[in-house]
């Protein structure tokens, strides 16, 4: 799991490196023969080095986001009921809107300073209590890494009992 979060490598390669780290570590501590212990130590170091290199040299840490993001529904300043659906769109250079997520781009949703699970959908269902809430969305890579500079958008949403919930919008 740590390999998935800190690297942008394909999943089978992440599992292979994790196997080197943990399998090599197991050989170091569980086997008495020194040759196997040395081989296990080398395997564990190679796996850890590969994971570290993939994190340090990850393209997701070095590239700009493909487009800025914006919450288009609910509209800023609207009083809405709960539950509601956030609609998050990407803004092209021409000003046109496109769905914010794809197989290449996910959304990190932060509500009142607490991060919700990262999602790969641009219609995000949210159940908020009554009152004012700060909602921030950030476009991230599938391995949950921020772009440089990050593509974020923050909006304050007021949930009012009895108000109509905000439904999904379109991009």
N, C-alpha and C. Protein backbone atom coordinates (compact mmCIF):
# COMPACT_ATOMS: atom_id res chain seq x y z
N UNK A 1 0.83 -1.19 0.00
CA UNK A 1 0.00 0.00 0.00
C UNK A 1 0.88 1.26 0.00
N UNK A 2 1.94 1.25 0.75
CA UNK A 2 2.83 2.41 0.79
C UNK A 2 3.42 2.65 -0.60
N UNK A 3 3.78 1.57 -1.30
CA UNK A 3 4.34 1.71 -2.64
C UNK A 3 3.34 2.37 -3.57
N UNK A 4 2.07 2.04 -3.44
CA UNK A 4 1.04 2.64 -4.29
C UNK A 4 0.90 4.13 -4.03
N UNK A 5 0.99 4.54 -2.80
CA UNK A 5 0.79 5.95 -2.45
C UNK A 5 1.99 6.79 -2.84
N UNK A 6 3.19 6.29 -2.65
CA UNK A 6 4.37 7.13 -2.88
C UNK A 6 5.00 6.97 -4.25
N UNK A 7 4.49 6.08 -5.09
CA UNK A 7 5.13 5.93 -6.40
C UNK A 7 4.10 5.98 -7.51
N UNK A 8 4.57 6.25 -8.70
CA UNK A 8 3.68 6.27 -9.86
C UNK A 8 3.97 5.09 -10.78
N UNK A 9 4.60 4.05 -10.25
CA UNK A 9 4.91 2.87 -11.03
C UNK A 9 3.65 2.05 -11.29
N UNK A 10 3.67 1.23 -12.35
CA UNK A 10 2.54 0.30 -12.55
C UNK A 10 2.40 -0.64 -11.37
N UNK A 11 1.19 -1.03 -11.08
CA UNK A 11 0.90 -1.84 -9.90
C UNK A 11 1.70 -3.14 -9.84
N UNK A 12 1.86 -3.93 -10.94
CA UNK A 12 2.66 -5.16 -10.82
C UNK A 12 4.11 -4.88 -10.42
N UNK A 13 4.67 -3.79 -10.90
CA UNK A 13 6.04 -3.45 -10.52
C UNK A 13 6.11 -3.04 -9.05
N UNK A 14 5.10 -2.33 -8.56
CA UNK A 14 5.05 -1.97 -7.14
C UNK A 14 5.01 -3.23 -6.28
N UNK A 15 4.20 -4.21 -6.67
CA UNK A 15 4.11 -5.45 -5.90
C UNK A 15 5.44 -6.20 -5.95
N UNK A 16 6.11 -6.18 -7.11
CA UNK A 16 7.41 -6.83 -7.22
C UNK A 16 8.44 -6.21 -6.29
N UNK A 17 8.47 -4.88 -6.25
CA UNK A 17 9.42 -4.21 -5.35
C UNK A 17 9.08 -4.49 -3.89
N UNK A 18 7.79 -4.49 -3.57
CA UNK A 18 7.38 -4.80 -2.19
C UNK A 18 7.77 -6.23 -1.83
N UNK A 19 7.65 -7.15 -2.78
CA UNK A 19 8.06 -8.53 -2.53
C UNK A 19 9.55 -8.61 -2.26
N UNK A 20 10.36 -7.84 -3.01
CA UNK A 20 11.80 -7.81 -2.75
C UNK A 20 12.09 -7.30 -1.35
N UNK A 21 11.43 -6.21 -0.96
CA UNK A 21 11.68 -5.62 0.35
C UNK A 21 11.30 -6.59 1.46
N UNK A 22 10.07 -7.09 1.45
CA UNK A 22 9.61 -7.92 2.56
C UNK A 22 10.16 -9.35 2.50
N UNK A 23 10.28 -9.91 1.28
CA UNK A 23 10.86 -11.25 1.15
C UNK A 23 12.33 -11.25 1.53
N UNK A 24 13.05 -10.22 1.08
CA UNK A 24 14.46 -10.11 1.44
C UNK A 24 14.63 -9.91 2.94
N UNK A 25 13.78 -9.08 3.52
CA UNK A 25 13.84 -8.86 4.97
C UNK A 25 13.55 -10.14 5.74
N UNK A 26 12.62 -10.93 5.24
CA UNK A 26 12.30 -12.20 5.88
C UNK A 26 13.50 -13.15 5.83
N UNK A 27 14.18 -13.19 4.68
CA UNK A 27 15.38 -14.04 4.59
C UNK A 27 16.46 -13.59 5.56
N UNK A 28 16.62 -12.29 5.70
CA UNK A 28 17.66 -11.78 6.61
C UNK A 28 17.42 -12.24 8.04
N UNK A 29 16.17 -12.22 8.47
CA UNK A 29 15.88 -12.52 9.87
C UNK A 29 15.49 -13.97 10.15
N UNK A 30 15.09 -14.74 9.12
CA UNK A 30 14.57 -16.08 9.39
C UNK A 30 15.52 -17.20 8.99
N UNK A 31 16.53 -16.91 8.20
CA UNK A 31 17.41 -17.97 7.69
C UNK A 31 18.77 -17.88 8.38
N UNK A 32 19.37 -19.05 8.67
CA UNK A 32 20.66 -19.08 9.37
C UNK A 32 21.85 -19.07 8.41
N UNK A 33 21.67 -19.53 7.20
CA UNK A 33 22.79 -19.60 6.26
C UNK A 33 23.17 -18.20 5.82
N UNK A 34 24.43 -17.87 5.96
CA UNK A 34 24.87 -16.50 5.69
C UNK A 34 24.71 -16.10 4.23
N UNK A 35 24.87 -17.02 3.29
CA UNK A 35 24.73 -16.66 1.87
C UNK A 35 23.29 -16.22 1.56
N UNK A 36 22.32 -16.93 2.11
CA UNK A 36 20.92 -16.55 1.90
C UNK A 36 20.58 -15.24 2.61
N UNK A 37 21.18 -15.04 3.76
CA UNK A 37 20.95 -13.79 4.49
C UNK A 37 21.50 -12.60 3.70
N UNK A 38 22.67 -12.77 3.12
CA UNK A 38 23.26 -11.70 2.31
C UNK A 38 22.40 -11.44 1.08
N UNK A 39 21.97 -12.52 0.41
CA UNK A 39 21.11 -12.37 -0.77
C UNK A 39 19.80 -11.67 -0.39
N UNK A 40 19.24 -12.04 0.75
CA UNK A 40 18.00 -11.39 1.21
C UNK A 40 18.21 -9.91 1.51
N UNK A 41 19.34 -9.58 2.13
CA UNK A 41 19.65 -8.18 2.41
C UNK A 41 19.82 -7.37 1.14
N UNK A 42 20.50 -7.96 0.16
CA UNK A 42 20.68 -7.27 -1.13
C UNK A 42 19.32 -7.07 -1.81
N UNK A 43 18.47 -8.11 -1.80
CA UNK A 43 17.14 -8.00 -2.41
C UNK A 43 16.31 -6.91 -1.73
N UNK A 44 16.34 -6.89 -0.40
CA UNK A 44 15.58 -5.88 0.34
C UNK A 44 16.09 -4.48 0.04
N UNK A 45 17.40 -4.31 -0.02
CA UNK A 45 17.96 -2.99 -0.34
C UNK A 45 17.63 -2.56 -1.77
N UNK A 46 17.67 -3.50 -2.72
CA UNK A 46 17.30 -3.18 -4.11
C UNK A 46 15.83 -2.78 -4.20
N UNK A 47 14.97 -3.51 -3.53
CA UNK A 47 13.55 -3.16 -3.53
C UNK A 47 13.29 -1.81 -2.92
N UNK A 48 13.91 -1.54 -1.77
CA UNK A 48 13.74 -0.24 -1.12
C UNK A 48 14.31 0.88 -1.98
N UNK A 49 15.45 0.62 -2.61
CA UNK A 49 16.04 1.63 -3.49
C UNK A 49 15.16 1.92 -4.69
N UNK A 50 14.55 0.88 -5.26
CA UNK A 50 13.63 1.08 -6.38
C UNK A 50 12.41 1.88 -5.99
N UNK A 51 11.84 1.59 -4.83
CA UNK A 51 10.69 2.36 -4.36
C UNK A 51 11.06 3.81 -4.09
N UNK A 52 12.21 4.02 -3.46
CA UNK A 52 12.65 5.38 -3.18
C UNK A 52 12.91 6.14 -4.48
N UNK A 53 13.56 5.52 -5.44
CA UNK A 53 13.84 6.18 -6.72
C UNK A 53 12.55 6.51 -7.46
N UNK A 54 11.57 5.61 -7.42
CA UNK A 54 10.30 5.89 -8.12
C UNK A 54 9.56 7.05 -7.46
N UNK A 55 9.73 7.21 -6.17
CA UNK A 55 9.08 8.32 -5.49
C UNK A 55 9.80 9.64 -5.78
N UNK A 56 11.11 9.63 -5.71
CA UNK A 56 11.90 10.84 -5.92
C UNK A 56 11.78 11.32 -7.36
N UNK A 57 11.82 10.40 -8.31
CA UNK A 57 11.82 10.77 -9.72
C UNK A 57 10.44 10.67 -10.36
N UNK A 58 9.41 10.61 -9.57
CA UNK A 58 8.05 10.47 -10.08
C UNK A 58 7.65 11.67 -10.93
N UNK A 59 7.13 11.44 -12.15
CA UNK A 59 6.72 12.57 -12.98
C UNK A 59 5.54 13.34 -12.40
N UNK A 60 4.74 12.71 -11.55
CA UNK A 60 3.60 13.42 -10.97
C UNK A 60 4.05 14.54 -10.04
N UNK A 61 5.27 14.43 -9.51
CA UNK A 61 5.77 15.47 -8.64
C UNK A 61 6.40 16.62 -9.41
N UNK A 62 6.69 16.41 -10.70
CA UNK A 62 7.45 17.37 -11.46
C UNK A 62 6.64 18.11 -12.53
N UNK A 63 5.45 17.66 -12.81
CA UNK A 63 4.68 18.24 -13.91
C UNK A 63 3.51 19.07 -13.40
N UNK A 64 3.10 20.02 -14.23
CA UNK A 64 1.93 20.84 -13.90
C UNK A 64 0.66 20.05 -14.18
N UNK A 65 -0.40 20.43 -13.53
CA UNK A 65 -1.70 19.81 -13.78
C UNK A 65 -2.13 20.13 -15.20
N UNK A 66 -2.88 19.23 -15.84
CA UNK A 66 -3.29 19.47 -17.22
C UNK A 66 -4.29 20.61 -17.37
N UNK A 67 -5.02 20.91 -16.29
CA UNK A 67 -6.00 21.98 -16.30
C UNK A 67 -6.39 22.32 -14.87
N UNK A 68 -6.85 23.56 -14.64
CA UNK A 68 -7.38 23.89 -13.31
C UNK A 68 -8.74 23.22 -13.11
N UNK A 69 -9.15 23.09 -11.87
CA UNK A 69 -10.46 22.50 -11.55
C UNK A 69 -11.36 23.55 -10.91
N UNK A 70 -12.67 23.29 -10.98
CA UNK A 70 -13.64 24.21 -10.41
C UNK A 70 -14.88 23.42 -10.00
N UNK A 71 -15.47 23.78 -8.86
CA UNK A 71 -16.75 23.20 -8.45
C UNK A 71 -17.83 24.02 -9.15
N UNK A 72 -18.63 23.38 -10.01
CA UNK A 72 -19.67 24.12 -10.73
C UNK A 72 -21.05 23.92 -10.13
N UNK A 73 -21.20 22.90 -9.30
CA UNK A 73 -22.47 22.69 -8.62
C UNK A 73 -22.16 22.10 -7.25
N UNK A 74 -22.70 22.68 -6.18
CA UNK A 74 -23.60 23.83 -6.14
C UNK A 74 -22.85 25.14 -6.48
N UNK A 75 -23.61 26.11 -6.95
CA UNK A 75 -23.01 27.39 -7.32
C UNK A 75 -22.55 28.12 -6.06
N UNK A 76 -21.49 28.91 -6.16
CA UNK A 76 -20.99 29.62 -4.98
C UNK A 76 -22.07 30.50 -4.35
N UNK A 77 -22.14 30.45 -3.03
CA UNK A 77 -23.07 31.29 -2.28
C UNK A 77 -24.46 30.72 -2.15
N UNK A 78 -24.76 29.60 -2.79
CA UNK A 78 -26.10 29.02 -2.71
C UNK A 78 -26.29 28.30 -1.38
N UNK A 79 -27.51 28.36 -0.85
CA UNK A 79 -27.88 27.56 0.31
C UNK A 79 -28.47 26.27 -0.22
N UNK A 80 -27.93 25.15 0.23
CA UNK A 80 -28.36 23.85 -0.27
C UNK A 80 -28.75 22.94 0.88
N UNK A 81 -29.51 21.92 0.55
CA UNK A 81 -29.86 20.90 1.52
C UNK A 81 -28.91 19.73 1.40
N UNK A 82 -29.00 18.83 2.35
CA UNK A 82 -28.15 17.64 2.34
C UNK A 82 -29.02 16.42 2.07
N UNK A 83 -28.51 15.36 1.49
CA UNK A 83 -27.18 15.24 0.91
C UNK A 83 -27.10 15.99 -0.42
N UNK A 84 -25.89 16.28 -0.84
CA UNK A 84 -25.72 17.01 -2.10
C UNK A 84 -24.67 16.32 -2.95
N UNK A 85 -24.61 16.71 -4.20
CA UNK A 85 -23.62 16.15 -5.12
C UNK A 85 -22.77 17.29 -5.66
N UNK A 86 -21.47 17.22 -5.40
CA UNK A 86 -20.55 18.20 -5.97
C UNK A 86 -20.28 17.82 -7.41
N UNK A 87 -20.30 18.79 -8.29
CA UNK A 87 -19.89 18.56 -9.68
C UNK A 87 -18.59 19.33 -9.88
N UNK A 88 -17.54 18.60 -10.20
CA UNK A 88 -16.21 19.19 -10.36
C UNK A 88 -15.79 19.05 -11.82
N UNK A 89 -15.44 20.18 -12.42
CA UNK A 89 -15.05 20.19 -13.83
C UNK A 89 -13.63 20.72 -13.97
N UNK A 90 -12.99 20.30 -15.03
CA UNK A 90 -11.72 20.87 -15.42
C UNK A 90 -11.98 22.03 -16.36
N UNK A 91 -11.14 23.03 -16.32
CA UNK A 91 -11.31 24.22 -17.16
C UNK A 91 -10.19 24.23 -18.20
N UNK A 92 -10.55 24.06 -19.46
CA UNK A 92 -9.57 24.09 -20.55
C UNK A 92 -9.04 25.50 -20.73
N UNK A 93 -7.92 25.61 -21.44
CA UNK A 93 -7.33 26.93 -21.71
C UNK A 93 -8.30 27.82 -22.49
N UNK A 94 -9.18 27.22 -23.29
CA UNK A 94 -10.16 27.98 -24.06
C UNK A 94 -11.33 28.44 -23.20
N UNK A 95 -11.41 27.96 -21.95
CA UNK A 95 -12.51 28.31 -21.05
C UNK A 95 -13.60 27.26 -21.01
N UNK A 96 -13.55 26.28 -21.90
CA UNK A 96 -14.55 25.21 -21.91
C UNK A 96 -14.38 24.29 -20.71
N UNK A 97 -15.48 23.67 -20.31
CA UNK A 97 -15.47 22.76 -19.16
C UNK A 97 -15.46 21.31 -19.63
N UNK A 98 -14.71 20.49 -18.92
CA UNK A 98 -14.67 19.05 -19.16
C UNK A 98 -14.77 18.34 -17.81
N UNK A 99 -15.24 17.08 -17.79
CA UNK A 99 -15.24 16.35 -16.51
C UNK A 99 -13.82 16.32 -15.93
N UNK A 100 -13.70 16.52 -14.64
CA UNK A 100 -12.39 16.68 -14.00
C UNK A 100 -11.60 15.38 -13.91
N UNK A 101 -12.27 14.25 -13.87
CA UNK A 101 -11.55 12.99 -13.65
C UNK A 101 -11.53 12.13 -14.89
N UNK A 102 -10.55 11.23 -14.92
CA UNK A 102 -10.42 10.21 -15.96
C UNK A 102 -9.55 9.11 -15.37
N UNK A 103 -9.12 8.19 -16.19
CA UNK A 103 -8.23 7.15 -15.67
C UNK A 103 -6.87 7.72 -15.30
N UNK A 104 -6.56 8.93 -15.77
CA UNK A 104 -5.27 9.58 -15.50
C UNK A 104 -5.33 10.57 -14.33
N UNK A 105 -6.54 11.03 -13.97
CA UNK A 105 -6.67 12.11 -12.98
C UNK A 105 -7.78 11.78 -12.00
N UNK A 106 -7.48 11.93 -10.70
CA UNK A 106 -8.43 11.68 -9.64
C UNK A 106 -8.65 12.97 -8.86
N UNK A 107 -9.59 12.95 -7.94
CA UNK A 107 -9.86 14.11 -7.09
C UNK A 107 -9.64 13.76 -5.63
N UNK A 108 -8.91 14.61 -4.95
CA UNK A 108 -8.83 14.55 -3.49
C UNK A 108 -9.83 15.59 -2.98
N UNK A 109 -10.73 15.17 -2.12
CA UNK A 109 -11.77 16.05 -1.58
C UNK A 109 -11.48 16.28 -0.10
N UNK A 110 -11.39 17.56 0.28
CA UNK A 110 -11.10 17.91 1.67
C UNK A 110 -12.27 18.75 2.18
N UNK A 111 -12.93 18.26 3.22
CA UNK A 111 -14.11 18.92 3.77
C UNK A 111 -13.79 19.38 5.18
N UNK A 112 -13.84 20.67 5.40
CA UNK A 112 -13.53 21.27 6.71
C UNK A 112 -12.18 20.79 7.24
N UNK A 113 -11.20 20.70 6.34
CA UNK A 113 -9.84 20.34 6.72
C UNK A 113 -9.58 18.85 6.86
N UNK A 114 -10.58 18.01 6.60
CA UNK A 114 -10.42 16.56 6.72
C UNK A 114 -10.54 15.95 5.33
N UNK A 115 -9.51 15.20 4.93
CA UNK A 115 -9.54 14.61 3.60
C UNK A 115 -10.43 13.39 3.55
N UNK A 116 -11.33 13.38 2.59
CA UNK A 116 -12.17 12.22 2.32
C UNK A 116 -11.39 11.29 1.38
N UNK A 117 -11.87 10.08 1.14
CA UNK A 117 -11.16 9.19 0.21
C UNK A 117 -11.02 9.84 -1.17
N UNK A 118 -9.90 9.58 -1.82
CA UNK A 118 -9.68 10.06 -3.18
C UNK A 118 -10.64 9.33 -4.12
N UNK A 119 -11.22 10.08 -5.07
CA UNK A 119 -12.23 9.50 -5.95
C UNK A 119 -11.84 9.67 -7.41
N UNK A 120 -12.39 8.80 -8.24
CA UNK A 120 -12.15 8.90 -9.67
C UNK A 120 -13.44 9.27 -10.42
N UNK A 121 -14.32 9.99 -9.75
CA UNK A 121 -15.57 10.46 -10.35
C UNK A 121 -15.65 11.97 -10.22
N UNK A 122 -16.34 12.63 -11.15
CA UNK A 122 -16.45 14.08 -11.10
C UNK A 122 -17.77 14.53 -10.50
N UNK A 123 -18.69 13.60 -10.26
CA UNK A 123 -19.90 13.86 -9.45
C UNK A 123 -19.64 13.22 -8.10
N UNK A 124 -19.41 14.03 -7.08
CA UNK A 124 -18.99 13.51 -5.78
C UNK A 124 -20.14 13.68 -4.78
N UNK A 125 -20.75 12.57 -4.34
CA UNK A 125 -21.81 12.67 -3.33
C UNK A 125 -21.23 13.01 -1.96
N UNK A 126 -21.85 13.99 -1.30
CA UNK A 126 -21.36 14.45 0.00
C UNK A 126 -22.57 14.63 0.92
N UNK A 127 -22.47 14.13 2.13
CA UNK A 127 -23.53 14.32 3.13
C UNK A 127 -22.97 15.20 4.24
N UNK A 128 -23.39 16.45 4.27
CA UNK A 128 -22.88 17.42 5.25
C UNK A 128 -23.95 17.78 6.26
N UNK A 129 -23.51 18.11 7.47
CA UNK A 129 -24.44 18.58 8.49
C UNK A 129 -24.81 20.03 8.19
N UNK A 130 -25.81 20.55 8.87
CA UNK A 130 -26.23 21.94 8.67
C UNK A 130 -25.12 22.89 9.07
N UNK A 131 -25.02 24.00 8.33
CA UNK A 131 -24.02 25.02 8.63
C UNK A 131 -23.11 25.28 7.45
N UNK A 132 -22.08 26.09 7.72
CA UNK A 132 -21.11 26.45 6.67
C UNK A 132 -19.97 25.44 6.66
N UNK A 133 -19.57 25.05 5.47
CA UNK A 133 -18.50 24.07 5.29
C UNK A 133 -17.55 24.56 4.21
N UNK A 134 -16.27 24.34 4.43
CA UNK A 134 -15.27 24.65 3.42
C UNK A 134 -14.93 23.36 2.70
N UNK A 135 -15.13 23.38 1.38
CA UNK A 135 -14.85 22.20 0.57
C UNK A 135 -13.74 22.56 -0.41
N UNK A 136 -12.69 21.74 -0.41
CA UNK A 136 -11.58 21.94 -1.33
C UNK A 136 -11.43 20.67 -2.16
N UNK A 137 -11.22 20.84 -3.45
CA UNK A 137 -10.93 19.71 -4.33
C UNK A 137 -9.56 19.93 -4.96
N UNK A 138 -8.83 18.85 -5.14
CA UNK A 138 -7.52 18.92 -5.76
C UNK A 138 -7.40 17.81 -6.78
N UNK A 139 -6.93 18.14 -7.97
CA UNK A 139 -6.66 17.15 -9.00
C UNK A 139 -5.33 16.47 -8.66
N UNK A 140 -5.35 15.12 -8.61
CA UNK A 140 -4.15 14.36 -8.26
C UNK A 140 -3.96 13.23 -9.26
N UNK A 141 -2.79 12.62 -9.21
CA UNK A 141 -2.51 11.47 -10.07
C UNK A 141 -3.19 10.23 -9.48
N UNK A 142 -3.28 9.14 -10.25
CA UNK A 142 -3.87 7.91 -9.70
C UNK A 142 -3.13 7.37 -8.49
N UNK A 143 -1.87 7.78 -8.31
CA UNK A 143 -1.12 7.34 -7.12
C UNK A 143 -1.22 8.38 -6.01
N UNK A 144 -2.21 9.27 -6.11
CA UNK A 144 -2.55 10.24 -5.07
C UNK A 144 -1.51 11.34 -4.88
N UNK A 145 -0.73 11.64 -5.90
CA UNK A 145 0.30 12.67 -5.79
C UNK A 145 -0.20 13.97 -6.38
N UNK A 146 0.15 15.06 -5.74
CA UNK A 146 -0.22 16.39 -6.22
C UNK A 146 0.63 16.77 -7.41
N UNK A 147 0.06 17.60 -8.26
CA UNK A 147 0.82 18.15 -9.37
C UNK A 147 1.61 19.35 -8.86
N UNK A 148 2.52 19.85 -9.69
CA UNK A 148 3.34 20.98 -9.28
C UNK A 148 3.27 22.07 -10.35
N UNK A 149 2.56 23.15 -10.14
CA UNK A 149 1.82 23.53 -8.94
C UNK A 149 0.49 22.77 -8.84
N UNK A 150 -0.04 22.65 -7.65
CA UNK A 150 -1.28 21.89 -7.47
C UNK A 150 -2.48 22.59 -8.12
N UNK A 151 -3.42 21.77 -8.60
CA UNK A 151 -4.68 22.28 -9.17
C UNK A 151 -5.75 22.11 -8.10
N UNK A 152 -6.05 23.19 -7.38
CA UNK A 152 -7.03 23.13 -6.29
C UNK A 152 -8.11 24.18 -6.50
N UNK A 153 -9.25 23.94 -5.86
CA UNK A 153 -10.34 24.91 -5.86
C UNK A 153 -11.04 24.78 -4.51
N UNK A 154 -11.33 25.91 -3.90
CA UNK A 154 -11.98 25.93 -2.58
C UNK A 154 -13.27 26.71 -2.67
N UNK A 155 -14.30 26.19 -2.05
CA UNK A 155 -15.60 26.85 -2.02
C UNK A 155 -16.22 26.67 -0.64
N UNK A 156 -16.97 27.67 -0.21
CA UNK A 156 -17.72 27.56 1.03
C UNK A 156 -19.16 27.23 0.68
N UNK A 157 -19.67 26.18 1.31
CA UNK A 157 -21.03 25.71 1.05
C UNK A 157 -21.83 25.83 2.33
N UNK A 158 -23.02 26.39 2.23
CA UNK A 158 -23.91 26.50 3.39
C UNK A 158 -25.05 25.51 3.23
N UNK A 159 -25.14 24.59 4.20
CA UNK A 159 -26.21 23.59 4.19
C UNK A 159 -27.31 24.08 5.12
N UNK A 160 -28.50 24.22 4.57
CA UNK A 160 -29.66 24.73 5.30
C UNK A 160 -30.73 23.66 5.36
N UNK A 161 -31.25 23.34 6.56
CA UNK A 161 -32.32 22.34 6.65
C UNK A 161 -33.53 22.81 5.82
N UNK A 162 -34.09 21.89 5.08
CA UNK A 162 -35.27 22.19 4.28
C UNK A 162 -34.97 22.73 2.90
N UNK A 163 -33.74 23.12 2.63
CA UNK A 163 -33.39 23.61 1.29
C UNK A 163 -33.25 22.43 0.35
N UNK A 164 -33.42 22.70 -0.93
CA UNK A 164 -33.30 21.65 -1.93
C UNK A 164 -31.85 21.21 -2.05
N UNK A 165 -31.61 19.89 -2.05
CA UNK A 165 -30.22 19.43 -2.21
C UNK A 165 -29.72 19.73 -3.61
N UNK A 166 -28.43 19.99 -3.72
CA UNK A 166 -27.82 20.26 -5.02
C UNK A 166 -27.59 18.92 -5.72
N UNK A 167 -28.14 18.82 -6.91
CA UNK A 167 -27.97 17.60 -7.69
C UNK A 167 -26.76 17.71 -8.59
N UNK A 168 -26.48 16.65 -9.32
CA UNK A 168 -25.33 16.71 -10.21
C UNK A 168 -25.56 17.72 -11.32
N UNK A 169 -24.50 18.46 -11.63
CA UNK A 169 -24.52 19.41 -12.73
C UNK A 169 -23.81 18.84 -13.92
N UNK A 170 -23.59 19.64 -14.92
CA UNK A 170 -22.88 19.18 -16.11
C UNK A 170 -21.69 20.08 -16.39
N UNK A 171 -20.75 19.54 -17.11
CA UNK A 171 -19.56 20.29 -17.49
C UNK A 171 -19.68 20.75 -18.92
